Amino acid sequence: MSVGINYSILRNAALFKNLSDDVLRELAQYCYYTQLIAGETLFEQNEPGDAIYVLEEGQIHIVRRYPSGEEIILATEGPYYVIGELSMLANQPRTGDVVAVSDCRLIGLERARFVEVCERMPVVAQQTLSHLGQRLYQMNLLVREHAIRNVAARVASALLLLCGGRNGVVENEIRLTRIARAVAIDADVVSRLLHKWQQQGYITFDGRRLEIHDVDTLETIAG
């Protein structure tokens, strides 16, 4: 680690981009550099969230480990990505490992120092709240989009089971409530989705009679 950070570098990070030069100079006084070689771990899952980092050079993986032993790469990030701000601000354990994909140079700032600056300069706390609010908004959109895709996949899978993976009329009478129970989704949601697919020409459904016109598309939706 070495002290001596050019304050203007901090503005490249989303968390600090709207702060004035004076505020960035104050923050930079408490920052330090740390280096990682490819394959080295910055911190591990469940370690204390006692610092924040800005990746200045290189690339990192964010890895989540599960009790089963499975490891999943949640994201790969490059320069000026802000690392570990959520666990640091909440004073909670890290939610994943951060591993260097290539040689990296990072700017670190300890939680205690960050809190001190926030107390003296409320604008830092205000900017942090704005940053977290934007992240929460984006995450909320992603969750909703994922939920919509998941609903469509479940309904498409149910239709494929009913039709045996073939285009044509399903032999048995099919009721909307039966499909909704099968996929554990509210009937109104299923109704809107089936109506949309009918308009797109994938199916025909009149409340009892189901005909599949485009089984290939349904298979794609089902994943």
Protein backbone atom coordinates (compact mmCIF):
# COMPACT_ATOMS: atom_id res chain seq x y z
CA MET A 1 0.00 0.00 0.00
CA SER A 2 1.15 3.53 -0.69
CA VAL A 3 -0.37 6.93 0.07
CA GLY A 4 -0.57 9.73 -2.49
CA ILE A 5 -3.72 9.55 -4.59
CA ASN A 6 -4.48 12.07 -7.32
CA TYR A 7 -7.90 13.28 -6.21
CA SER A 8 -9.13 13.77 -9.79
CA ILE A 9 -8.94 10.00 -10.38
CA LEU A 10 -11.75 9.50 -7.86
CA ARG A 11 -14.18 11.41 -10.08
CA ASN A 12 -14.07 8.54 -12.59
CA ALA A 13 -15.91 6.36 -10.07
CA ALA A 14 -19.72 6.61 -10.08
CA LEU A 15 -19.85 7.08 -6.30
CA PHE A 16 -17.70 10.22 -6.40
CA LYS A 17 -18.37 11.72 -9.86
CA ASN A 18 -20.52 14.67 -8.67
CA LEU A 19 -18.31 15.80 -5.79
CA SER A 20 -16.33 19.04 -5.88
CA ASP A 21 -12.55 19.22 -6.10
CA ASP A 22 -12.31 20.29 -2.45
CA VAL A 23 -14.30 17.27 -1.27
CA LEU A 24 -12.33 14.90 -3.48
CA ARG A 25 -9.05 16.31 -2.14
CA GLU A 26 -10.26 15.60 1.38
CA LEU A 27 -11.20 12.03 0.51
CA ALA A 28 -7.94 11.46 -1.36
CA GLN A 29 -5.95 12.26 1.79
CA TYR A 30 -7.22 9.05 3.35
CA CYS A 31 -7.02 6.81 0.29
CA TYR A 32 -4.27 4.33 -0.45
CA TYR A 33 -3.17 2.15 -3.34
CA THR A 34 -3.19 -1.62 -3.24
CA GLN A 35 -2.01 -4.05 -5.91
CA LEU A 36 -3.28 -7.49 -6.88
CA ILE A 37 -1.69 -9.98 -9.23
CA ALA A 38 -3.87 -12.11 -11.50
CA GLY A 39 -5.63 -14.80 -9.46
CA GLU A 40 -5.18 -13.00 -6.13
CA THR A 41 -8.21 -12.31 -3.91
CA LEU A 42 -8.98 -8.80 -2.68
CA PHE A 43 -11.38 -10.07 -0.02
CA GLU A 44 -13.47 -13.17 0.58
CA GLN A 45 -17.15 -13.74 1.17
CA ASN A 46 -18.23 -13.14 4.81
CA GLU A 47 -15.17 -11.04 5.67
CA PRO A 48 -15.93 -7.70 7.38
CA GLY A 49 -17.00 -4.88 5.06
CA ASP A 50 -14.41 -2.48 6.42
CA ALA A 51 -13.27 -0.68 3.26
CA ILE A 52 -14.33 0.46 -0.18
CA TYR A 53 -12.25 0.14 -3.35
CA VAL A 54 -12.12 1.77 -6.77
CA LEU A 55 -10.57 -0.39 -9.46
CA GLU A 56 -8.16 1.91 -11.31
CA GLU A 57 -6.47 -0.68 -13.55
CA GLY A 58 -7.23 -4.30 -14.43
CA GLN A 59 -10.28 -6.55 -14.24
CA ILE A 60 -11.97 -8.45 -11.42
CA HIS A 61 -14.52 -11.23 -10.95
CA ILE A 62 -17.20 -11.03 -8.27
CA VAL A 63 -17.76 -14.62 -7.14
CA ARG A 64 -20.53 -16.00 -4.91
CA ARG A 65 -19.85 -19.24 -3.01
CA TYR A 66 -22.66 -21.55 -1.83
CA PRO A 67 -22.72 -24.19 0.95
CA SER A 68 -22.91 -26.91 -1.72
CA GLY A 69 -19.44 -25.88 -2.86
CA GLU A 70 -20.73 -24.31 -6.06
CA GLU A 71 -19.13 -21.03 -7.13
CA ILE A 72 -20.81 -18.62 -9.54
CA ILE A 73 -19.23 -15.58 -11.20
CA LEU A 74 -21.86 -12.88 -10.68
CA ALA A 75 -20.07 -10.18 -12.65
CA THR A 76 -16.82 -9.18 -14.31
CA GLU A 77 -15.89 -5.53 -13.88
CA GLY A 78 -13.23 -3.17 -15.24
CA PRO A 79 -11.64 0.20 -14.42
CA TYR A 80 -13.40 2.62 -12.07
CA TYR A 81 -15.89 0.08 -10.83
CA VAL A 82 -16.67 0.72 -7.14
CA ILE A 83 -16.09 -2.45 -5.10
CA GLY A 84 -17.71 -3.28 -1.79
CA GLU A 85 -19.62 -0.09 -1.08
CA LEU A 86 -22.83 -1.82 0.01
CA SER A 87 -21.26 -4.03 2.67
CA MET A 88 -18.98 -1.19 3.77
CA LEU A 89 -21.81 1.34 4.16
CA ALA A 90 -24.08 -1.18 5.90
CA ASN A 91 -21.18 -2.46 8.01
CA GLN A 92 -22.10 -6.01 6.98
CA PRO A 93 -20.01 -9.00 5.83
CA ARG A 94 -18.95 -9.25 2.21
CA THR A 95 -21.49 -11.03 0.01
CA GLY A 96 -18.90 -12.56 -2.31
CA ASP A 97 -15.25 -12.98 -3.20
CA VAL A 98 -13.48 -10.41 -5.37
CA VAL A 99 -10.75 -12.04 -7.46
CA ALA A 100 -8.30 -10.39 -9.85
CA VAL A 101 -8.68 -11.60 -13.44
CA SER A 102 -5.57 -9.64 -14.44
CA ASP A 103 -3.00 -7.62 -12.52
CA CYS A 104 -4.92 -4.83 -10.78
CA ARG A 105 -4.31 -1.53 -9.10
CA LEU A 106 -7.01 -0.35 -6.70
CA ILE A 107 -7.68 2.70 -4.57
CA GLY A 108 -8.81 1.81 -1.07
CA LEU A 109 -10.62 3.84 1.58
CA GLU A 110 -11.32 2.48 5.06
CA ARG A 111 -14.84 2.68 6.44
CA ALA A 112 -13.85 4.68 9.53
CA ARG A 113 -12.18 7.35 7.39
CA PHE A 114 -15.13 7.50 4.99
CA VAL A 115 -17.56 7.99 7.89
CA GLU A 116 -15.37 10.78 9.30
CA VAL A 117 -15.47 12.66 6.00
CA CYS A 118 -19.26 12.16 5.75
CA GLU A 119 -19.67 13.70 9.20
CA ARG A 120 -17.59 16.74 8.29
CA MET A 121 -18.90 17.05 4.73
CA PRO A 122 -22.58 16.07 4.49
CA VAL A 123 -22.43 16.41 0.69
CA VAL A 124 -20.52 13.11 0.63
CA ALA A 125 -23.33 11.38 2.48
CA GLN A 126 -25.88 12.99 0.13
CA GLN A 127 -23.97 11.80 -2.93
CA THR A 128 -23.70 8.31 -1.42
CA LEU A 129 -27.47 8.16 -0.86
CA SER A 130 -28.05 9.25 -4.45
CA HIS A 131 -25.65 6.58 -5.71
CA LEU A 132 -27.30 3.87 -3.63
CA GLY A 133 -30.75 5.03 -4.72
CA GLN A 134 -29.77 4.69 -8.39
CA ARG A 135 -28.34 1.24 -7.78
CA LEU A 136 -31.51 0.16 -5.96
CA TYR A 137 -33.67 1.51 -8.79
CA GLN A 138 -31.65 -0.38 -11.41
CA MET A 139 -31.70 -3.57 -9.35
CA ASN A 140 -35.47 -3.26 -8.91
CA LEU A 141 -35.92 -3.02 -12.69
CA LEU A 142 -33.71 -6.07 -13.23
CA VAL A 143 -35.66 -8.08 -10.65
CA ARG A 144 -38.96 -7.16 -12.31
CA GLU A 145 -37.64 -8.02 -15.76
CA HIS A 146 -36.33 -11.34 -14.49
CA ALA A 147 -39.66 -12.10 -12.82
CA ILE A 148 -41.53 -11.38 -16.06
CA ARG A 149 -39.19 -13.61 -18.05
CA ASN A 150 -39.54 -16.34 -15.43
CA VAL A 151 -43.36 -16.20 -15.60
CA ALA A 152 -43.28 -16.45 -19.39
CA ALA A 153 -40.89 -19.40 -19.23
CA ARG A 154 -43.13 -21.25 -16.77
CA VAL A 155 -46.29 -20.70 -18.82
CA ALA A 156 -44.53 -21.66 -22.06
CA SER A 157 -43.23 -24.84 -20.42
CA ALA A 158 -46.77 -25.73 -19.29
CA LEU A 159 -48.14 -25.24 -22.81
CA LEU A 160 -45.39 -27.42 -24.25
CA LEU A 161 -46.32 -30.20 -21.82
CA LEU A 162 -49.98 -29.91 -22.78
CA CYS A 163 -49.29 -30.06 -26.52
CA GLY A 164 -46.56 -32.69 -26.34
CA GLY A 165 -44.11 -30.37 -28.06
CA ARG A 166 -46.12 -30.31 -31.31
CA ASN A 167 -48.09 -27.69 -33.19
CA GLY A 168 -51.82 -28.25 -33.43
CA VAL A 169 -54.94 -28.43 -31.28
CA VAL A 170 -54.55 -29.80 -27.74
CA GLU A 171 -56.94 -32.72 -27.43
CA ASN A 172 -58.33 -32.07 -23.97
CA GLU A 173 -60.32 -29.04 -22.95
CA ILE A 174 -57.95 -26.51 -21.39
CA ARG A 175 -59.12 -23.95 -18.85
CA LEU A 176 -57.21 -20.85 -17.85
CA THR A 177 -57.46 -21.72 -14.14
CA ARG A 178 -55.83 -25.09 -14.81
CA ILE A 179 -52.82 -23.45 -16.46
CA ALA A 180 -52.58 -20.88 -13.65
CA ARG A 181 -52.59 -23.60 -10.97
CA ALA A 182 -49.99 -25.61 -12.87
CA VAL A 183 -47.52 -22.72 -12.94
CA ALA A 184 -48.51 -21.23 -9.55
CA ILE A 185 -49.26 -17.81 -11.07
CA ASP A 186 -52.31 -15.59 -10.75
CA ALA A 187 -54.88 -16.34 -13.48
CA ASP A 188 -55.02 -12.68 -14.56
CA VAL A 189 -51.27 -12.71 -15.28
CA VAL A 190 -51.57 -15.91 -17.30
CA SER A 191 -54.57 -14.48 -19.19
CA ARG A 192 -52.64 -11.37 -20.24
CA LEU A 193 -49.68 -13.45 -21.35
CA LEU A 194 -51.81 -15.85 -23.40
CA HIS A 195 -53.65 -12.91 -24.98
CA LYS A 196 -50.29 -11.38 -25.96
CA TRP A 197 -49.09 -14.66 -27.50
CA GLN A 198 -52.36 -15.00 -29.36
CA GLN A 199 -51.90 -11.53 -30.86
CA GLN A 200 -48.37 -12.52 -31.87
CA GLY A 201 -49.67 -15.64 -33.55
CA TYR A 202 -48.00 -18.24 -31.33
CA ILE A 203 -51.28 -19.76 -30.08
CA THR A 204 -55.06 -19.59 -30.26
CA PHE A 205 -56.98 -19.89 -27.00
CA ASP A 206 -60.66 -19.18 -26.47
CA GLY A 207 -60.88 -20.15 -22.82
CA ARG A 208 -61.28 -23.87 -23.46
CA ARG A 209 -59.73 -24.77 -26.80
CA LEU A 210 -55.95 -24.36 -27.11
CA GLU A 211 -54.13 -24.55 -30.41
CA ILE A 212 -50.37 -24.17 -30.75
CA HIS A 213 -49.11 -22.46 -33.93
CA ASP A 214 -45.43 -21.84 -33.14
CA VAL A 215 -43.97 -24.49 -30.87
CA ASP A 216 -40.40 -23.41 -31.72
CA THR A 217 -40.98 -19.94 -30.26
CA LEU A 218 -42.56 -21.39 -27.13
CA GLU A 219 -39.51 -23.62 -26.69
CA THR A 220 -37.27 -20.56 -26.96
CA ILE A 221 -39.34 -18.71 -24.34
CA ALA A 222 -39.28 -21.73 -22.04
CA GLY A 223 -35.52 -21.81 -22.31
